[in-house]
Amino acid sequence: MEFWQDYWPIIVALLVILAVLALLQQLRVAPPKPYERRGRLITKAELRFLRALEICVQERWRIFAMVRMADLLQVSGDVKARQSWQNKINCKHIDFVLCDPEDLNVVMAIELDDASHNRADRQERDKFVNEAFLSAGLPLLRVPLQNAFDLKALREMIEQAVS
């Protein structure tokens, strides 16, 4: 009992200091996150294609741009090295996806191929993407980049890919 009577002011002062430090820790402002705005979701060429695509499909399908492959495909449940296969699709994007407007069921995917698709690394990626979509039974249409798109030809390519 004598201990408390002799040292109570020090103990109270320590408790007050600890409470003040805890409060200051709570009030300390967290540093800003290291993110910045990227700007456009799609390139000018992709935007030009999107406008042509909108004319072709009109109200028949909904169009989504820059969709992750992992949102379109999934790894079968009975596969060895499942995470490795998942990693291969996690960071890849598909340029455009057509969906049923009623339930947003994916109808097909579309890749707009510009000159970068002539590079060896892109051709390897394209081969993987083609095989993945074929394996999943989801149509994938590759459209070469053009200055102006032939709407009739584009509409026919889409119809053929869907059927």
Protein backbone atom coordinates (compact mmCIF):
# COMPACT_ATOMS: atom_id res chain seq x y z
CA MET A 1 0.00 0.00 0.00
CA GLU A 2 2.88 2.30 0.77
CA PHE A 3 4.15 1.84 -2.79
CA TRP A 4 0.95 3.32 -4.30
CA GLN A 5 0.95 6.22 -1.86
CA ASP A 6 4.54 7.09 -2.63
CA TYR A 7 4.44 6.67 -6.42
CA TRP A 8 0.85 7.47 -7.45
CA PRO A 9 1.77 10.83 -9.04
CA ILE A 10 4.38 9.15 -11.24
CA ILE A 11 2.01 6.33 -12.20
CA VAL A 12 -0.76 8.79 -13.08
CA ALA A 13 1.68 10.91 -15.09
CA LEU A 14 2.83 7.84 -17.03
CA LEU A 15 -0.76 6.82 -17.74
CA VAL A 16 -1.57 10.34 -18.96
CA ILE A 17 1.51 10.33 -21.20
CA LEU A 18 0.54 6.92 -22.64
CA ALA A 19 -3.02 8.12 -23.27
CA VAL A 20 -1.76 11.27 -25.00
CA LEU A 21 0.64 9.22 -27.15
CA ALA A 22 -2.17 6.81 -28.11
CA LEU A 23 -4.41 9.75 -29.02
CA LEU A 24 -1.67 11.35 -31.12
CA GLN A 25 -1.13 8.04 -32.90
CA GLN A 26 -4.83 7.91 -33.76
CA LEU A 27 -4.81 11.50 -35.02
CA ARG A 28 -1.68 11.09 -37.10
CA VAL A 29 -2.54 11.49 -40.77
CA ALA A 30 -1.73 8.50 -42.92
CA PRO A 31 0.49 9.29 -45.89
CA PRO A 32 -1.36 9.52 -49.20
CA LYS A 33 -1.61 6.33 -51.25
CA PRO A 34 0.82 6.11 -54.20
CA TYR A 35 -1.84 6.15 -56.92
CA GLU A 36 -2.60 8.55 -59.70
CA ARG A 37 -5.22 8.74 -62.38
CA ARG A 38 -4.35 6.91 -65.60
CA GLY A 39 -6.59 8.83 -67.98
CA ARG A 40 -8.24 7.09 -70.91
CA LEU A 41 -9.58 3.59 -70.43
CA ILE A 42 -8.97 2.79 -74.10
CA THR A 43 -6.79 4.23 -76.86
CA LYS A 44 -8.08 6.55 -79.57
CA ALA A 45 -7.96 3.67 -82.07
CA GLU A 46 -9.96 1.46 -79.69
CA LEU A 47 -12.46 4.28 -79.20
CA ARG A 48 -12.87 4.55 -82.97
CA PHE A 49 -13.49 0.80 -83.12
CA LEU A 50 -15.92 0.99 -80.18
CA ARG A 51 -18.02 3.55 -82.04
CA ALA A 52 -18.14 1.27 -85.11
CA LEU A 53 -18.98 -1.68 -82.86
CA GLU A 54 -21.83 0.25 -81.23
CA ILE A 55 -23.36 0.88 -84.65
CA CYS A 56 -23.01 -2.80 -85.59
CA VAL A 57 -24.53 -4.34 -82.48
CA GLN A 58 -26.95 -1.51 -81.60
CA GLU A 59 -29.27 -2.76 -78.83
CA ARG A 60 -28.64 -6.46 -79.43
CA TRP A 61 -25.68 -6.68 -77.03
CA ARG A 62 -24.03 -4.58 -74.38
CA ILE A 63 -20.40 -3.69 -74.95
CA PHE A 64 -17.77 -3.61 -72.21
CA ALA A 65 -14.19 -2.46 -72.71
CA MET A 66 -10.96 -3.59 -71.05
CA VAL A 67 -12.30 -6.65 -69.24
CA ARG A 68 -9.90 -8.91 -67.35
CA MET A 69 -9.64 -12.43 -68.73
CA ALA A 70 -10.10 -13.68 -65.17
CA ASP A 71 -13.56 -12.09 -65.19
CA LEU A 72 -14.43 -14.04 -68.34
CA LEU A 73 -12.71 -17.39 -67.80
CA GLN A 74 -12.05 -19.53 -64.78
CA VAL A 75 -9.71 -22.42 -64.13
CA SER A 76 -11.39 -25.82 -64.02
CA GLY A 77 -11.69 -27.19 -60.50
CA ASP A 78 -9.75 -30.41 -61.05
CA VAL A 79 -6.55 -28.92 -62.48
CA LYS A 80 -3.08 -29.36 -61.04
CA ALA A 81 -1.13 -26.13 -60.55
CA ARG A 82 -4.42 -24.24 -60.41
CA GLN A 83 -2.89 -21.00 -59.13
CA SER A 84 -0.30 -21.01 -61.88
CA TRP A 85 -3.06 -21.23 -64.51
CA GLN A 86 -5.04 -18.53 -62.70
CA ASN A 87 -2.03 -16.22 -62.67
CA LYS A 88 -1.79 -16.51 -66.46
CA ILE A 89 -5.21 -14.86 -66.86
CA ASN A 90 -5.32 -12.50 -63.87
CA CYS A 91 -3.49 -9.58 -65.47
CA LYS A 92 -4.51 -9.97 -69.10
CA HIS A 93 -7.33 -7.87 -70.53
CA ILE A 94 -9.60 -8.31 -73.51
CA ASP A 95 -10.35 -5.18 -75.51
CA PHE A 96 -14.12 -5.63 -75.85
CA VAL A 97 -16.76 -8.04 -74.61
CA LEU A 98 -20.30 -8.41 -75.92
CA CYS A 99 -22.93 -9.44 -73.38
CA ASP A 100 -26.60 -10.28 -73.47
CA PRO A 101 -28.35 -7.08 -72.28
CA GLU A 102 -30.87 -9.03 -70.18
CA ASP A 103 -28.52 -10.98 -67.91
CA LEU A 104 -25.04 -9.79 -68.99
CA ASN A 105 -24.11 -13.33 -69.97
CA VAL A 106 -20.91 -13.10 -72.01
CA VAL A 107 -21.59 -13.76 -75.70
CA MET A 108 -18.14 -13.17 -77.16
CA ALA A 109 -14.85 -11.34 -76.77
CA ILE A 110 -13.16 -9.10 -79.32
CA GLU A 111 -9.50 -8.20 -79.62
CA LEU A 112 -8.47 -5.26 -81.76
CA ASP A 113 -5.09 -6.16 -83.23
CA ASP A 114 -2.79 -3.24 -83.99
CA ALA A 115 0.81 -3.35 -85.22
CA SER A 116 2.06 -4.42 -81.79
CA HIS A 117 0.55 -7.85 -82.45
CA ASN A 118 3.36 -8.46 -84.97
CA ARG A 119 5.92 -8.59 -82.14
CA ALA A 120 7.03 -12.04 -80.99
CA ASP A 121 5.98 -11.47 -77.36
CA ARG A 122 2.50 -10.34 -78.44
CA GLN A 123 2.14 -13.29 -80.80
CA GLU A 124 2.96 -15.62 -77.92
CA ARG A 125 0.38 -13.86 -75.74
CA ASP A 126 -2.20 -13.96 -78.56
CA LYS A 127 -1.64 -17.69 -79.02
CA PHE A 128 -2.22 -18.29 -75.30
CA VAL A 129 -5.36 -16.12 -75.32
CA ASN A 130 -6.74 -17.86 -78.42
CA GLU A 131 -6.18 -21.29 -76.88
CA ALA A 132 -7.70 -20.26 -73.54
CA PHE A 133 -10.88 -18.96 -75.16
CA LEU A 134 -11.12 -21.99 -77.43
CA SER A 135 -10.72 -24.26 -74.40
CA ALA A 136 -13.48 -22.40 -72.55
CA GLY A 137 -15.81 -22.49 -75.56
CA LEU A 138 -16.15 -18.71 -75.64
CA PRO A 139 -15.87 -17.09 -79.08
CA LEU A 140 -12.97 -14.69 -79.53
CA LEU A 141 -12.91 -12.46 -82.59
CA ARG A 142 -9.70 -10.80 -83.70
CA VAL A 143 -10.19 -7.65 -85.75
CA PRO A 144 -7.25 -5.94 -87.44
CA LEU A 145 -6.94 -2.22 -86.72
CA GLN A 146 -8.10 -0.06 -89.61
CA ASN A 147 -8.47 3.67 -90.19
CA ALA A 148 -12.14 3.16 -91.05
CA PHE A 149 -14.13 0.03 -90.31
CA ASP A 150 -16.45 -1.57 -92.86
CA LEU A 151 -19.57 -1.85 -90.71
CA LYS A 152 -21.21 -4.48 -92.88
CA ALA A 153 -18.09 -6.68 -92.83
CA LEU A 154 -17.69 -6.16 -89.08
CA ARG A 155 -21.34 -7.09 -88.47
CA GLU A 156 -20.87 -10.26 -90.53
CA MET A 157 -17.69 -11.20 -88.64
CA ILE A 158 -19.53 -10.82 -85.34
CA GLU A 159 -22.55 -12.85 -86.52
CA GLN A 160 -20.29 -15.62 -87.80
CA ALA A 161 -18.30 -15.73 -84.54
CA VAL A 162 -21.45 -15.87 -82.41
CA SER A 163 -23.16 -18.62 -84.41
